[in-house]
């Protein structure tokens, strides 16, 4: 069973499988998330999940037990 992931502000929805890295799902959807260290330390790839939780997309994956997820990208102009 997959998860429908909606990326904001672009309003693009893509189907993903639980356990897939969020950064890879975004790339597959044509969404560019800025990255830095790719280890979660620099926080350049932070995204907001369902308007509640902020995670580093380079070290986070699609959660299990969900049918949909909204990922809000916000950009730091200094990156």
N, C-alpha and C. Protein backbone atom coordinates (compact mmCIF):
# COMPACT_ATOMS: atom_id res chain seq x y z
N UNK A 1 0.84 -1.18 0.00
CA UNK A 1 0.00 0.00 0.00
C UNK A 1 0.89 1.24 0.00
N UNK A 2 0.61 2.15 -0.90
CA UNK A 2 1.45 3.33 -1.04
C UNK A 2 0.86 4.56 -0.37
N UNK A 3 1.62 5.63 -0.47
CA UNK A 3 1.26 6.89 0.15
C UNK A 3 1.26 7.97 -0.94
N UNK A 4 0.21 8.76 -0.98
CA UNK A 4 0.17 9.91 -1.88
C UNK A 4 0.80 11.09 -1.17
N UNK A 5 1.86 11.63 -1.77
CA UNK A 5 2.59 12.74 -1.17
C UNK A 5 2.35 13.98 -2.00
N UNK A 6 1.83 15.01 -1.34
CA UNK A 6 1.56 16.30 -1.99
C UNK A 6 2.65 17.28 -1.58
N UNK A 7 3.35 17.82 -2.57
CA UNK A 7 4.41 18.78 -2.33
C UNK A 7 3.87 20.19 -2.55
N UNK A 8 4.01 21.02 -1.53
CA UNK A 8 3.62 22.43 -1.60
C UNK A 8 4.89 23.27 -1.61
N UNK A 9 4.94 24.42 -2.20
CA UNK A 9 3.84 25.17 -2.77
C UNK A 9 3.54 24.81 -4.21
N UNK A 10 4.27 23.85 -4.81
CA UNK A 10 4.08 23.51 -6.22
C UNK A 10 2.78 22.75 -6.48
N UNK A 11 2.17 22.19 -5.43
CA UNK A 11 0.94 21.41 -5.53
C UNK A 11 1.08 20.25 -6.51
N UNK A 12 2.14 19.49 -6.32
CA UNK A 12 2.40 18.29 -7.12
C UNK A 12 2.23 17.08 -6.21
N UNK A 13 1.46 16.10 -6.67
CA UNK A 13 1.23 14.88 -5.89
C UNK A 13 1.88 13.71 -6.60
N UNK A 14 2.56 12.88 -5.84
CA UNK A 14 3.23 11.70 -6.37
C UNK A 14 2.97 10.53 -5.44
N UNK A 15 2.95 9.34 -5.99
CA UNK A 15 2.74 8.13 -5.21
C UNK A 15 4.11 7.59 -4.75
N UNK A 16 4.20 7.19 -3.50
CA UNK A 16 5.46 6.68 -2.96
C UNK A 16 5.18 5.47 -2.08
N UNK A 17 6.20 4.73 -1.81
CA UNK A 17 6.11 3.56 -0.94
C UNK A 17 6.71 3.89 0.42
N UNK A 18 6.12 3.36 1.49
CA UNK A 18 6.70 3.56 2.81
C UNK A 18 8.17 3.13 2.83
N UNK A 19 8.99 3.93 3.47
CA UNK A 19 10.42 3.64 3.55
C UNK A 19 11.25 4.34 2.50
N UNK A 20 10.62 4.85 1.44
CA UNK A 20 11.37 5.58 0.41
C UNK A 20 11.89 6.88 0.99
N UNK A 21 13.12 7.27 0.69
CA UNK A 21 13.64 8.55 1.17
C UNK A 21 12.85 9.72 0.59
N UNK A 22 12.48 10.67 1.43
CA UNK A 22 11.70 11.82 0.97
C UNK A 22 12.42 12.60 -0.13
N UNK A 23 13.71 12.73 -0.01
CA UNK A 23 14.48 13.47 -1.01
C UNK A 23 14.38 12.80 -2.38
N UNK A 24 14.42 11.49 -2.42
CA UNK A 24 14.32 10.74 -3.68
C UNK A 24 12.92 10.84 -4.27
N UNK A 25 11.90 10.81 -3.42
CA UNK A 25 10.52 10.95 -3.89
C UNK A 25 10.34 12.33 -4.51
N UNK A 26 10.88 13.35 -3.86
CA UNK A 26 10.79 14.71 -4.40
C UNK A 26 11.49 14.80 -5.75
N UNK A 27 12.66 14.23 -5.87
CA UNK A 27 13.40 14.26 -7.14
C UNK A 27 12.59 13.59 -8.24
N UNK A 28 11.97 12.45 -7.92
CA UNK A 28 11.17 11.72 -8.90
C UNK A 28 9.97 12.56 -9.36
N UNK A 29 9.45 13.42 -8.47
CA UNK A 29 8.32 14.28 -8.80
C UNK A 29 8.75 15.56 -9.50
N UNK A 30 10.05 15.74 -9.68
CA UNK A 30 10.55 16.95 -10.32
C UNK A 30 10.67 18.13 -9.38
N UNK A 31 10.66 17.84 -8.07
CA UNK A 31 10.78 18.87 -7.04
C UNK A 31 12.24 18.95 -6.60
N UNK A 32 12.79 20.14 -6.62
CA UNK A 32 14.18 20.34 -6.18
C UNK A 32 14.19 20.85 -4.75
N UNK A 33 14.68 20.03 -3.85
CA UNK A 33 14.86 20.43 -2.46
C UNK A 33 16.33 20.76 -2.27
N UNK A 34 16.65 21.97 -1.81
CA UNK A 34 18.06 22.32 -1.60
C UNK A 34 18.70 21.36 -0.59
N UNK A 35 19.94 21.04 -0.82
CA UNK A 35 20.67 20.16 0.10
C UNK A 35 22.01 20.78 0.44
N UNK A 36 22.58 20.28 1.49
CA UNK A 36 23.91 20.72 1.91
C UNK A 36 24.75 19.50 2.19
N UNK A 37 24.76 19.09 3.45
CA UNK A 37 25.64 18.00 3.89
C UNK A 37 25.12 16.61 3.54
N UNK A 38 23.83 16.46 3.30
CA UNK A 38 23.17 15.18 3.04
C UNK A 38 23.25 14.20 4.22
N UNK A 39 23.48 14.74 5.41
CA UNK A 39 23.53 13.91 6.62
C UNK A 39 22.58 14.44 7.70
N UNK A 40 21.84 15.52 7.41
CA UNK A 40 20.89 16.06 8.36
C UNK A 40 21.46 17.07 9.34
N UNK A 41 22.74 17.36 9.23
CA UNK A 41 23.37 18.27 10.19
C UNK A 41 23.18 19.75 9.84
N UNK A 42 23.16 20.07 8.56
CA UNK A 42 23.11 21.49 8.16
C UNK A 42 21.68 22.02 8.06
N UNK A 43 20.71 21.15 7.96
CA UNK A 43 19.29 21.50 7.90
C UNK A 43 18.90 22.26 6.63
N UNK A 44 19.72 22.21 5.59
CA UNK A 44 19.39 22.89 4.34
C UNK A 44 18.17 22.25 3.67
N UNK A 45 17.94 20.98 3.92
CA UNK A 45 16.85 20.25 3.25
C UNK A 45 15.60 20.11 4.12
N UNK A 46 15.45 20.97 5.11
CA UNK A 46 14.28 20.89 6.00
C UNK A 46 12.99 21.13 5.24
N UNK A 47 12.01 20.30 5.54
CA UNK A 47 10.66 20.45 5.01
C UNK A 47 9.68 20.28 6.16
N UNK A 48 8.47 20.77 5.97
CA UNK A 48 7.44 20.66 6.99
C UNK A 48 6.45 19.57 6.58
N UNK A 49 6.18 18.66 7.49
CA UNK A 49 5.27 17.55 7.22
C UNK A 49 3.91 17.85 7.84
N UNK A 50 2.89 17.84 7.00
CA UNK A 50 1.50 18.05 7.43
C UNK A 50 1.31 19.29 8.30
N UNK A 51 2.12 20.31 8.08
CA UNK A 51 1.98 21.56 8.81
C UNK A 51 2.32 21.48 10.28
N UNK A 52 2.99 20.39 10.69
CA UNK A 52 3.27 20.18 12.10
C UNK A 52 4.75 19.95 12.41
N UNK A 53 5.33 18.99 11.75
CA UNK A 53 6.67 18.53 12.09
C UNK A 53 7.67 18.96 11.02
N UNK A 54 8.85 19.41 11.43
CA UNK A 54 9.92 19.75 10.51
C UNK A 54 10.96 18.64 10.54
N UNK A 55 11.31 18.16 9.33
CA UNK A 55 12.29 17.08 9.22
C UNK A 55 13.31 17.42 8.14
N UNK A 56 14.45 16.79 8.20
CA UNK A 56 15.45 16.89 7.14
C UNK A 56 15.13 15.82 6.10
N UNK A 57 14.83 16.23 4.89
CA UNK A 57 14.39 15.28 3.87
C UNK A 57 15.50 14.32 3.44
N UNK A 58 16.75 14.68 3.66
CA UNK A 58 17.84 13.80 3.23
C UNK A 58 17.97 12.56 4.11
N UNK A 59 17.42 12.61 5.34
CA UNK A 59 17.54 11.46 6.24
C UNK A 59 16.18 10.95 6.69
N UNK A 60 15.10 11.44 6.07
CA UNK A 60 13.75 11.02 6.45
C UNK A 60 13.13 10.23 5.33
N UNK A 61 12.25 9.31 5.70
CA UNK A 61 11.60 8.49 4.69
C UNK A 61 10.09 8.58 4.84
N UNK A 62 9.40 8.07 3.84
CA UNK A 62 7.94 8.04 3.83
C UNK A 62 7.49 7.12 4.97
N UNK A 63 6.65 7.63 5.86
CA UNK A 63 6.23 6.82 7.01
C UNK A 63 5.23 5.73 6.62
N UNK A 64 5.19 4.70 7.42
CA UNK A 64 4.23 3.62 7.23
C UNK A 64 2.90 4.00 7.88
N UNK A 65 1.84 3.36 7.45
CA UNK A 65 0.54 3.55 8.08
C UNK A 65 -0.17 4.83 7.70
N UNK A 66 0.25 5.46 6.62
CA UNK A 66 -0.38 6.69 6.16
C UNK A 66 -0.87 6.48 4.74
N UNK A 67 -1.96 7.12 4.39
CA UNK A 67 -2.43 7.06 3.00
C UNK A 67 -2.05 8.31 2.24
N UNK A 68 -1.82 9.41 2.97
CA UNK A 68 -1.40 10.65 2.32
C UNK A 68 -0.52 11.46 3.26
N UNK A 69 0.22 12.38 2.66
CA UNK A 69 1.17 13.19 3.40
C UNK A 69 1.35 14.50 2.63
N UNK A 70 1.42 15.62 3.33
CA UNK A 70 1.71 16.90 2.69
C UNK A 70 3.07 17.38 3.13
N UNK A 71 3.91 17.66 2.16
CA UNK A 71 5.27 18.14 2.42
C UNK A 71 5.35 19.58 1.92
N UNK A 72 5.60 20.51 2.84
CA UNK A 72 5.70 21.92 2.49
C UNK A 72 7.18 22.30 2.44
N UNK A 73 7.61 22.75 1.28
CA UNK A 73 9.00 23.19 1.12
C UNK A 73 9.06 24.68 1.41
N UNK A 74 10.00 25.05 2.20
CA UNK A 74 10.25 26.47 2.40
C UNK A 74 11.74 26.67 2.17
N UNK A 75 12.06 27.77 1.56
CA UNK A 75 13.44 27.98 1.13
C UNK A 75 14.09 29.09 1.92
N UNK A 76 15.31 28.86 2.33
CA UNK A 76 16.13 29.86 2.99
C UNK A 76 16.94 30.54 1.90
N UNK A 77 16.74 31.83 1.69
CA UNK A 77 17.44 32.52 0.60
C UNK A 77 18.96 32.53 0.74
N UNK A 78 19.48 32.22 1.93
CA UNK A 78 20.92 32.20 2.12
C UNK A 78 21.55 30.92 1.59
N UNK A 79 20.74 29.90 1.28
CA UNK A 79 21.31 28.66 0.72
C UNK A 79 21.41 28.84 -0.75
